[in-house]
Amino acid sequence: MGAHWELVGGATSLEELHKQIGEFEPDVVIVDAGLGHGAVQGLRLLGRTVRLVSLGSLPGADAEVSELGDIRSAVLGFPRPGGPVRT
C-alpha cells in the first residue's frame, strides 16, 4: 500500500476478525462483504475507533469499493489517525 502502512491480519470469519481487531488495534479495516452484514455492526459494538472499508456492499461502512484496486484510494480518502493538532 505504501511505505508508512503496515498490513496485518487476514480474518476469514467474524470471530477471527474481532480477535484480530483487539490484537492489532488497526486504524482502518477492510471487510469483505462475504463476511455478512453483522461484520460492520459487530466491529462498531467493540467500541474502537476504526474506519471501515467494505469490499462489496455492507451498510454502515465508512467507504465501499467494488474492486480490490479501489481499496487504496478509499483508504487514502480518510483523514489521518489522530486528526489535526490543535494548540
PDB file of N, CA and C in Angstrom:
ATOM      1  N   MET A   1       0.832  -1.187   0.000  1.00  0.00           N
ATOM      2  CA  MET A   1       0.000   0.000   0.000  1.00  0.00           C
ATOM      3  C   MET A   1       0.880   1.255   0.000  1.00  0.00           C
ATOM      4  N   GLY A   2       1.862   1.302   0.891  1.00  0.00           N
ATOM      5  CA  GLY A   2       2.740   2.455   0.951  1.00  0.00           C
ATOM      6  C   GLY A   2       3.799   2.229   2.014  1.00  0.00           C
ATOM      7  N   ALA A   3       4.818   3.062   2.009  1.00  0.00           N
ATOM      8  CA  ALA A   3       5.920   2.880   2.937  1.00  0.00           C
ATOM      9  C   ALA A   3       5.517   3.090   4.388  1.00  0.00           C
ATOM     10  N   HIS A   4       4.491   3.863   4.646  1.00  0.00           N
ATOM     11  CA  HIS A   4       4.088   4.142   6.025  1.00  0.00           C
ATOM     12  C   HIS A   4       2.879   3.319   6.447  1.00  0.00           C
ATOM     13  N   TRP A   5       2.579   2.273   5.718  1.00  0.00           N
ATOM     14  CA  TRP A   5       1.442   1.411   6.029  1.00  0.00           C
ATOM     15  C   TRP A   5       1.955   0.073   6.517  1.00  0.00           C
ATOM     16  N   GLU A   6       1.197  -0.530   7.384  1.00  0.00           N
ATOM     17  CA  GLU A   6       1.506  -1.878   7.830  1.00  0.00           C
ATOM     18  C   GLU A   6       0.255  -2.719   7.636  1.00  0.00           C
ATOM     19  N   LEU A   7       0.380  -3.777   6.882  1.00  0.00           N
ATOM     20  CA  LEU A   7      -0.742  -4.662   6.618  1.00  0.00           C
ATOM     21  C   LEU A   7      -0.663  -5.840   7.578  1.00  0.00           C
ATOM     22  N   VAL A   8      -1.715  -6.048   8.356  1.00  0.00           N
ATOM     23  CA  VAL A   8      -1.748  -7.138   9.320  1.00  0.00           C
ATOM     24  C   VAL A   8      -3.074  -7.874   9.209  1.00  0.00           C
ATOM     25  N   GLY A   9      -3.125  -9.047   9.752  1.00  0.00           N
ATOM     26  CA  GLY A   9      -4.373  -9.797   9.824  1.00  0.00           C
ATOM     27  C   GLY A   9      -4.726 -10.473   8.524  1.00  0.00           C
ATOM     28  N   GLY A  10      -5.912 -11.001   8.522  1.00  0.00           N
ATOM     29  CA  GLY A  10      -6.423 -11.735   7.376  1.00  0.00           C
ATOM     30  C   GLY A  10      -7.527 -12.664   7.840  1.00  0.00           C
ATOM     31  N   ALA A  11      -8.483 -12.115   8.535  1.00  0.00           N
ATOM     32  CA  ALA A  11      -9.555 -12.912   9.125  1.00  0.00           C
ATOM     33  C   ALA A  11     -10.462 -13.502   8.055  1.00  0.00           C
ATOM     34  N   THR A  12     -10.899 -14.722   8.289  1.00  0.00           N
ATOM     35  CA  THR A  12     -11.826 -15.387   7.378  1.00  0.00           C
ATOM     36  C   THR A  12     -13.176 -15.662   8.033  1.00  0.00           C
ATOM     37  N   SER A  13     -13.343 -15.191   9.265  1.00  0.00           N
ATOM     38  CA  SER A  13     -14.618 -15.345   9.969  1.00  0.00           C
ATOM     39  C   SER A  13     -14.816 -14.138  10.883  1.00  0.00           C
ATOM     40  N   LEU A  14     -16.041 -13.929  11.342  1.00  0.00           N
ATOM     41  CA  LEU A  14     -16.311 -12.819  12.261  1.00  0.00           C
ATOM     42  C   LEU A  14     -15.545 -12.994  13.563  1.00  0.00           C
ATOM     43  N   GLU A  15     -15.426 -14.213  14.035  1.00  0.00           N
ATOM     44  CA  GLU A  15     -14.697 -14.463  15.280  1.00  0.00           C
ATOM     45  C   GLU A  15     -13.226 -14.058  15.137  1.00  0.00           C
ATOM     46  N   GLU A  16     -12.607 -14.464  14.035  1.00  0.00           N
ATOM     47  CA  GLU A  16     -11.214 -14.085  13.788  1.00  0.00           C
ATOM     48  C   GLU A  16     -11.079 -12.575  13.642  1.00  0.00           C
ATOM     49  N   LEU A  17     -12.034 -11.952  12.970  1.00  0.00           N
ATOM     50  CA  LEU A  17     -11.997 -10.509  12.764  1.00  0.00           C
ATOM     51  C   LEU A  17     -12.001  -9.781  14.097  1.00  0.00           C
ATOM     52  N   HIS A  18     -12.890 -10.142  14.986  1.00  0.00           N
ATOM     53  CA  HIS A  18     -12.963  -9.486  16.304  1.00  0.00           C
ATOM     54  C   HIS A  18     -11.686  -9.719  17.100  1.00  0.00           C
ATOM     55  N   LYS A  19     -11.147 -10.920  17.044  1.00  0.00           N
ATOM     56  CA  LYS A  19      -9.907 -11.228  17.752  1.00  0.00           C
ATOM     57  C   LYS A  19      -8.748 -10.378  17.218  1.00  0.00           C
ATOM     58  N   GLN A  20      -8.655 -10.273  15.883  1.00  0.00           N
ATOM     59  CA  GLN A  20      -7.555  -9.531  15.288  1.00  0.00           C
ATOM     60  C   GLN A  20      -7.681  -8.031  15.512  1.00  0.00           C
ATOM     61  N   ILE A  21      -8.896  -7.523  15.594  1.00  0.00           N
ATOM     62  CA  ILE A  21      -9.084  -6.099  15.905  1.00  0.00           C
ATOM     63  C   ILE A  21      -8.499  -5.799  17.281  1.00  0.00           C
ATOM     64  N   GLY A  22      -8.766  -6.662  18.240  1.00  0.00           N
ATOM     65  CA  GLY A  22      -8.219  -6.480  19.579  1.00  0.00           C
ATOM     66  C   GLY A  22      -6.710  -6.646  19.625  1.00  0.00           C
ATOM     67  N   GLU A  23      -6.194  -7.561  18.828  1.00  0.00           N
ATOM     68  CA  GLU A  23      -4.763  -7.842  18.824  1.00  0.00           C
ATOM     69  C   GLU A  23      -3.945  -6.764  18.119  1.00  0.00           C
ATOM     70  N   PHE A  24      -4.397  -6.320  16.953  1.00  0.00           N
ATOM     71  CA  PHE A  24      -3.611  -5.402  16.132  1.00  0.00           C
ATOM     72  C   PHE A  24      -3.986  -3.932  16.301  1.00  0.00           C
ATOM     73  N   GLU A  25      -5.175  -3.630  16.809  1.00  0.00           N
ATOM     74  CA  GLU A  25      -5.668  -2.263  17.003  1.00  0.00           C
ATOM     75  C   GLU A  25      -5.448  -1.392  15.764  1.00  0.00           C
ATOM     76  N   PRO A  26      -6.022  -1.791  14.635  1.00  0.00           N
ATOM     77  CA  PRO A  26      -5.798  -1.054  13.386  1.00  0.00           C
ATOM     78  C   PRO A  26      -6.549   0.270  13.335  1.00  0.00           C
ATOM     79  N   ASP A  27      -6.103   1.138  12.461  1.00  0.00           N
ATOM     80  CA  ASP A  27      -6.795   2.398  12.191  1.00  0.00           C
ATOM     81  C   ASP A  27      -7.861   2.198  11.119  1.00  0.00           C
ATOM     82  N   VAL A  28      -7.593   1.290  10.177  1.00  0.00           N
ATOM     83  CA  VAL A  28      -8.503   1.017   9.069  1.00  0.00           C
ATOM     84  C   VAL A  28      -8.663  -0.497   8.939  1.00  0.00           C
ATOM     85  N   VAL A  29      -9.895  -0.929   8.685  1.00  0.00           N
ATOM     86  CA  VAL A  29     -10.172  -2.350   8.466  1.00  0.00           C
ATOM     87  C   VAL A  29     -10.874  -2.496   7.122  1.00  0.00           C
ATOM     88  N   ILE A  30     -10.375  -3.424   6.326  1.00  0.00           N
ATOM     89  CA  ILE A  30     -11.013  -3.758   5.057  1.00  0.00           C
ATOM     90  C   ILE A  30     -11.842  -5.014   5.316  1.00  0.00           C
ATOM     91  N   VAL A  31     -13.137  -4.943   5.043  1.00  0.00           N
ATOM     92  CA  VAL A  31     -14.030  -6.062   5.323  1.00  0.00           C
ATOM     93  C   VAL A  31     -14.672  -6.525   4.019  1.00  0.00           C
ATOM     94  N   ASP A  32     -14.534  -7.794   3.718  1.00  0.00           N
ATOM     95  CA  ASP A  32     -15.191  -8.363   2.547  1.00  0.00           C
ATOM     96  C   ASP A  32     -16.666  -8.547   2.863  1.00  0.00           C
ATOM     97  N   ALA A  33     -17.516  -8.147   1.941  1.00  0.00           N
ATOM     98  CA  ALA A  33     -18.962  -8.261   2.144  1.00  0.00           C
ATOM     99  C   ALA A  33     -19.388  -9.708   2.381  1.00  0.00           C
ATOM    100  N   GLY A  34     -18.552 -10.651   1.980  1.00  0.00           N
ATOM    101  CA  GLY A  34     -18.845 -12.058   2.204  1.00  0.00           C
ATOM    102  C   GLY A  34     -18.945 -12.428   3.675  1.00  0.00           C
ATOM    103  N   LEU A  35     -18.383 -11.600   4.560  1.00  0.00           N
ATOM    104  CA  LEU A  35     -18.500 -11.867   5.995  1.00  0.00           C
ATOM    105  C   LEU A  35     -19.898 -11.540   6.508  1.00  0.00           C
ATOM    106  N   GLY A  36     -20.681 -10.840   5.724  1.00  0.00           N
ATOM    107  CA  GLY A  36     -22.071 -10.567   6.089  1.00  0.00           C
ATOM    108  C   GLY A  36     -22.266  -9.232   6.777  1.00  0.00           C
ATOM    109  N   HIS A  37     -23.528  -8.839   6.864  1.00  0.00           N
ATOM    110  CA  HIS A  37     -23.892  -7.537   7.429  1.00  0.00           C
ATOM    111  C   HIS A  37     -23.514  -7.408   8.898  1.00  0.00           C
ATOM    112  N   GLY A  38     -23.390  -8.505   9.601  1.00  0.00           N
ATOM    113  CA  GLY A  38     -23.004  -8.454  11.010  1.00  0.00           C
ATOM    114  C   GLY A  38     -21.577  -8.004  11.234  1.00  0.00           C
ATOM    115  N   ALA A  39     -20.757  -8.017  10.189  1.00  0.00           N
ATOM    116  CA  ALA A  39     -19.351  -7.636  10.336  1.00  0.00           C
ATOM    117  C   ALA A  39     -19.210  -6.189  10.766  1.00  0.00           C
ATOM    118  N   VAL A  40     -19.889  -5.287  10.093  1.00  0.00           N
ATOM    119  CA  VAL A  40     -19.791  -3.861  10.420  1.00  0.00           C
ATOM    120  C   VAL A  40     -20.406  -3.600  11.789  1.00  0.00           C
ATOM    121  N   GLN A  41     -21.580  -4.121  12.015  1.00  0.00           N
ATOM    122  CA  GLN A  41     -22.253  -3.910  13.296  1.00  0.00           C
ATOM    123  C   GLN A  41     -21.408  -4.458  14.441  1.00  0.00           C
ATOM    124  N   GLY A  42     -20.841  -5.639  14.261  1.00  0.00           N
ATOM    125  CA  GLY A  42     -20.012  -6.232  15.301  1.00  0.00           C
ATOM    126  C   GLY A  42     -18.781  -5.404  15.615  1.00  0.00           C
ATOM    127  N   LEU A  43     -18.154  -4.848  14.587  1.00  0.00           N
ATOM    128  CA  LEU A  43     -16.977  -4.007  14.803  1.00  0.00           C
ATOM    129  C   LEU A  43     -17.348  -2.712  15.513  1.00  0.00           C
ATOM    130  N   ARG A  44     -18.472  -2.144  15.164  1.00  0.00           N
ATOM    131  CA  ARG A  44     -18.911  -0.903  15.818  1.00  0.00           C
ATOM    132  C   ARG A  44     -19.193  -1.151  17.300  1.00  0.00           C
ATOM    133  N   LEU A  45     -19.719  -2.319  17.619  1.00  0.00           N
ATOM    134  CA  LEU A  45     -20.042  -2.639  19.012  1.00  0.00           C
ATOM    135  C   LEU A  45     -18.798  -2.857  19.874  1.00  0.00           C
ATOM    136  N   LEU A  46     -17.660  -3.107  19.240  1.00  0.00           N
ATOM    137  CA  LEU A  46     -16.424  -3.283  20.001  1.00  0.00           C
ATOM    138  C   LEU A  46     -15.978  -1.987  20.665  1.00  0.00           C
ATOM    139  N   GLY A  47     -16.520  -0.866  20.202  1.00  0.00           N
ATOM    140  CA  GLY A  47     -16.216   0.421  20.818  1.00  0.00           C
ATOM    141  C   GLY A  47     -14.879   1.021  20.409  1.00  0.00           C
ATOM    142  N   ARG A  48     -14.241   0.467  19.418  1.00  0.00           N
ATOM    143  CA  ARG A  48     -12.962   1.019  18.945  1.00  0.00           C
ATOM    144  C   ARG A  48     -13.225   2.010  17.817  1.00  0.00           C
ATOM    145  N   THR A  49     -12.384   3.016  17.755  1.00  0.00           N
ATOM    146  CA  THR A  49     -12.467   3.964  16.649  1.00  0.00           C
ATOM    147  C   THR A  49     -11.669   3.383  15.495  1.00  0.00           C
ATOM    148  N   VAL A  50     -12.360   2.881  14.521  1.00  0.00           N
ATOM    149  CA  VAL A  50     -11.721   2.276  13.359  1.00  0.00           C
ATOM    150  C   VAL A  50     -12.542   2.648  12.136  1.00  0.00           C
ATOM    151  N   ARG A  51     -11.853   2.945  11.046  1.00  0.00           N
ATOM    152  CA  ARG A  51     -12.541   3.260   9.802  1.00  0.00           C
ATOM    153  C   ARG A  51     -12.712   1.967   9.019  1.00  0.00           C
ATOM    154  N   LEU A  52     -13.881   1.773   8.462  1.00  0.00           N
ATOM    155  CA  LEU A  52     -14.195   0.530   7.766  1.00  0.00           C
ATOM    156  C   LEU A  52     -14.388   0.768   6.275  1.00  0.00           C
ATOM    157  N   VAL A  53     -13.679  -0.013   5.478  1.00  0.00           N
ATOM    158  CA  VAL A  53     -13.872  -0.025   4.043  1.00  0.00           C
ATOM    159  C   VAL A  53     -14.435  -1.398   3.696  1.00  0.00           C
ATOM    160  N   SER A  54     -15.564  -1.425   3.018  1.00  0.00           N
ATOM    161  CA  SER A  54     -16.137  -2.711   2.629  1.00  0.00           C
ATOM    162  C   SER A  54     -15.828  -2.998   1.169  1.00  0.00           C
ATOM    163  N   LEU A  55     -15.456  -4.231   0.928  1.00  0.00           N
ATOM    164  CA  LEU A  55     -15.276  -4.724  -0.434  1.00  0.00           C
ATOM    165  C   LEU A  55     -16.593  -5.376  -0.799  1.00  0.00           C
ATOM    166  N   GLY A  56     -17.451  -4.612  -1.459  1.00  0.00           N
ATOM    167  CA  GLY A  56     -18.832  -5.011  -1.694  1.00  0.00           C
ATOM    168  C   GLY A  56     -19.722  -4.199  -0.766  1.00  0.00           C
ATOM    169  N   SER A  57     -20.998  -4.416  -0.861  1.00  0.00           N
ATOM    170  CA  SER A  57     -21.960  -3.613  -0.111  1.00  0.00           C
ATOM    171  C   SER A  57     -22.143  -4.105   1.315  1.00  0.00           C
ATOM    172  N   LEU A  58     -21.820  -3.250   2.282  1.00  0.00           N
ATOM    173  CA  LEU A  58     -22.069  -3.505   3.697  1.00  0.00           C
ATOM    174  C   LEU A  58     -22.556  -2.210   4.327  1.00  0.00           C
ATOM    175  N   PRO A  59     -23.842  -2.127   4.655  1.00  0.00           N
ATOM    176  CA  PRO A  59     -24.370  -0.918   5.279  1.00  0.00           C
ATOM    177  C   PRO A  59     -23.605  -0.579   6.563  1.00  0.00           C
ATOM    178  N   GLY A  60     -23.305   0.704   6.720  1.00  0.00           N
ATOM    179  CA  GLY A  60     -22.612   1.171   7.913  1.00  0.00           C
ATOM    180  C   GLY A  60     -21.108   1.333   7.743  1.00  0.00           C
ATOM    181  N   ALA A  61     -20.563   0.834   6.640  1.00  0.00           N
ATOM    182  CA  ALA A  61     -19.128   1.014   6.389  1.00  0.00           C
ATOM    183  C   ALA A  61     -18.867   2.477   6.049  1.00  0.00           C
ATOM    184  N   ASP A  62     -17.657   2.942   6.344  1.00  0.00           N
ATOM    185  CA  ASP A  62     -17.294   4.333   6.074  1.00  0.00           C
ATOM    186  C   ASP A  62     -17.044   4.576   4.591  1.00  0.00           C
ATOM    187  N   ALA A  63     -16.647   3.533   3.877  1.00  0.00           N
ATOM    188  CA  ALA A  63     -16.420   3.616   2.436  1.00  0.00           C
ATOM    189  C   ALA A  63     -16.707   2.245   1.843  1.00  0.00           C
ATOM    190  N   GLU A  64     -17.084   2.247   0.572  1.00  0.00           N
ATOM    191  CA  GLU A  64     -17.394   0.995  -0.106  1.00  0.00           C
ATOM    192  C   GLU A  64     -16.698   0.976  -1.454  1.00  0.00           C
ATOM    193  N   VAL A  65     -16.061  -0.145  -1.767  1.00  0.00           N
ATOM    194  CA  VAL A  65     -15.432  -0.323  -3.066  1.00  0.00           C
ATOM    195  C   VAL A  65     -15.956  -1.613  -3.685  1.00  0.00           C
ATOM    196  N   SER A  66     -15.897  -1.675  -4.988  1.00  0.00           N
ATOM    197  CA  SER A  66     -16.372  -2.881  -5.667  1.00  0.00           C
ATOM    198  C   SER A  66     -15.235  -3.735  -6.201  1.00  0.00           C
ATOM    199  N   GLU A  67     -14.021  -3.174  -6.215  1.00  0.00           N
ATOM    200  CA  GLU A  67     -12.862  -3.898  -6.731  1.00  0.00           C
ATOM    201  C   GLU A  67     -11.665  -3.709  -5.808  1.00  0.00           C
ATOM    202  N   LEU A  68     -10.818  -4.731  -5.735  1.00  0.00           N
ATOM    203  CA  LEU A  68      -9.621  -4.654  -4.889  1.00  0.00           C
ATOM    204  C   LEU A  68      -8.758  -3.446  -5.232  1.00  0.00           C
ATOM    205  N   GLY A  69      -8.674  -3.110  -6.489  1.00  0.00           N
ATOM    206  CA  GLY A  69      -7.833  -1.998  -6.923  1.00  0.00           C
ATOM    207  C   GLY A  69      -8.288  -0.639  -6.415  1.00  0.00           C
ATOM    208  N   ASP A  70      -9.504  -0.560  -5.899  1.00  0.00           N
ATOM    209  CA  ASP A  70     -10.034   0.708  -5.400  1.00  0.00           C
ATOM    210  C   ASP A  70      -9.819   0.915  -3.906  1.00  0.00           C
ATOM    211  N   ILE A  71      -9.303  -0.095  -3.214  1.00  0.00           N
ATOM    212  CA  ILE A  71      -9.143  -0.009  -1.757  1.00  0.00           C
ATOM    213  C   ILE A  71      -8.181   1.102  -1.370  1.00  0.00           C
ATOM    214  N   ARG A  72      -7.052   1.175  -2.044  1.00  0.00           N
ATOM    215  CA  ARG A  72      -6.040   2.192  -1.696  1.00  0.00           C
ATOM    216  C   ARG A  72      -6.632   3.601  -1.748  1.00  0.00           C
ATOM    217  N   SER A  73      -7.359   3.903  -2.796  1.00  0.00           N
ATOM    218  CA  SER A  73      -7.967   5.230  -2.922  1.00  0.00           C
ATOM    219  C   SER A  73      -8.969   5.496  -1.812  1.00  0.00           C
ATOM    220  N   ALA A  74      -9.734   4.483  -1.450  1.00  0.00           N
ATOM    221  CA  ALA A  74     -10.716   4.648  -0.373  1.00  0.00           C
ATOM    222  C   ALA A  74     -10.019   4.938   0.954  1.00  0.00           C
ATOM    223  N   VAL A  75      -8.954   4.211   1.242  1.00  0.00           N
ATOM    224  CA  VAL A  75      -8.220   4.419   2.494  1.00  0.00           C
ATOM    225  C   VAL A  75      -7.555   5.784   2.500  1.00  0.00           C
ATOM    226  N   LEU A  76      -6.958   6.184   1.405  1.00  0.00           N
ATOM    227  CA  LEU A  76      -6.293   7.484   1.344  1.00  0.00           C
ATOM    228  C   LEU A  76      -7.289   8.636   1.453  1.00  0.00           C
ATOM    229  N   GLY A  77      -8.546   8.369   1.211  1.00  0.00           N
ATOM    230  CA  GLY A  77      -9.576   9.395   1.337  1.00  0.00           C
ATOM    231  C   GLY A  77      -9.960   9.709   2.774  1.00  0.00           C
ATOM    232  N   PHE A  78      -9.529   8.872   3.712  1.00  0.00           N
ATOM    233  CA  PHE A  78      -9.817   9.111   5.129  1.00  0.00           C
ATOM    234  C   PHE A  78      -8.813  10.102   5.710  1.00  0.00           C
ATOM    235  N   PRO A  79      -9.224  10.872   6.721  1.00  0.00           N
ATOM    236  CA  PRO A  79      -8.241  11.716   7.418  1.00  0.00           C
ATOM    237  C   PRO A  79      -7.237  10.832   8.154  1.00  0.00           C
ATOM    238  N   ARG A  80      -6.054  11.336   8.364  1.00  0.00           N
ATOM    239  CA  ARG A  80      -5.034  10.579   9.093  1.00  0.00           C
ATOM    240  C   ARG A  80      -5.482  10.345  10.525  1.00  0.00           C
ATOM    241  N   PRO A  81      -5.043   9.213  11.126  1.00  0.00           N
ATOM    242  CA  PRO A  81      -5.405   8.935  12.521  1.00  0.00           C
ATOM    243  C   PRO A  81      -4.974  10.080  13.439  1.00  0.00           C
ATOM    244  N   GLY A  82      -5.789  10.378  14.415  1.00  0.00           N
ATOM    245  CA  GLY A  82      -5.451  11.414  15.380  1.00  0.00           C
ATOM    246  C   GLY A  82      -5.972  12.771  15.004  1.00  0.00           C
ATOM    247  N   GLY A  83      -6.231  12.997  13.728  1.00  0.00           N
ATOM    248  CA  GLY A  83      -6.777  14.268  13.285  1.00  0.00           C
ATOM    249  C   GLY A  83      -5.780  15.388  13.383  1.00  0.00           C
ATOM    250  N   PRO A  84      -6.236  16.610  13.169  1.00  0.00           N
ATOM    251  CA  PRO A  84      -5.322  17.756  13.203  1.00  0.00           C
ATOM    252  C   PRO A  84      -4.861  18.066  14.619  1.00  0.00           C
ATOM    253  N   VAL A  85      -3.667  18.605  14.717  1.00  0.00           N
ATOM    254  CA  VAL A  85      -3.116  19.010  16.010  1.00  0.00           C
ATOM    255  C   VAL A  85      -3.593  20.417  16.301  1.00  0.00           C
ATOM    256  N   ARG A  86      -4.147  20.593  17.476  1.00  0.00           N
ATOM    257  CA  ARG A  86      -4.623  21.929  17.866  1.00  0.00           C
ATOM    258  C   ARG A  86      -3.888  22.362  19.126  1.00  0.00           C
ATOM    259  N   THR A  87      -3.610  23.638  19.226  1.00  0.00           N
ATOM    260  CA  THR A  87      -2.949  24.166  20.406  1.00  0.00           C
ATOM    261  C   THR A  87      -3.839  25.118  21.146  1.00  0.00           C
TER     262      THR A  87
END
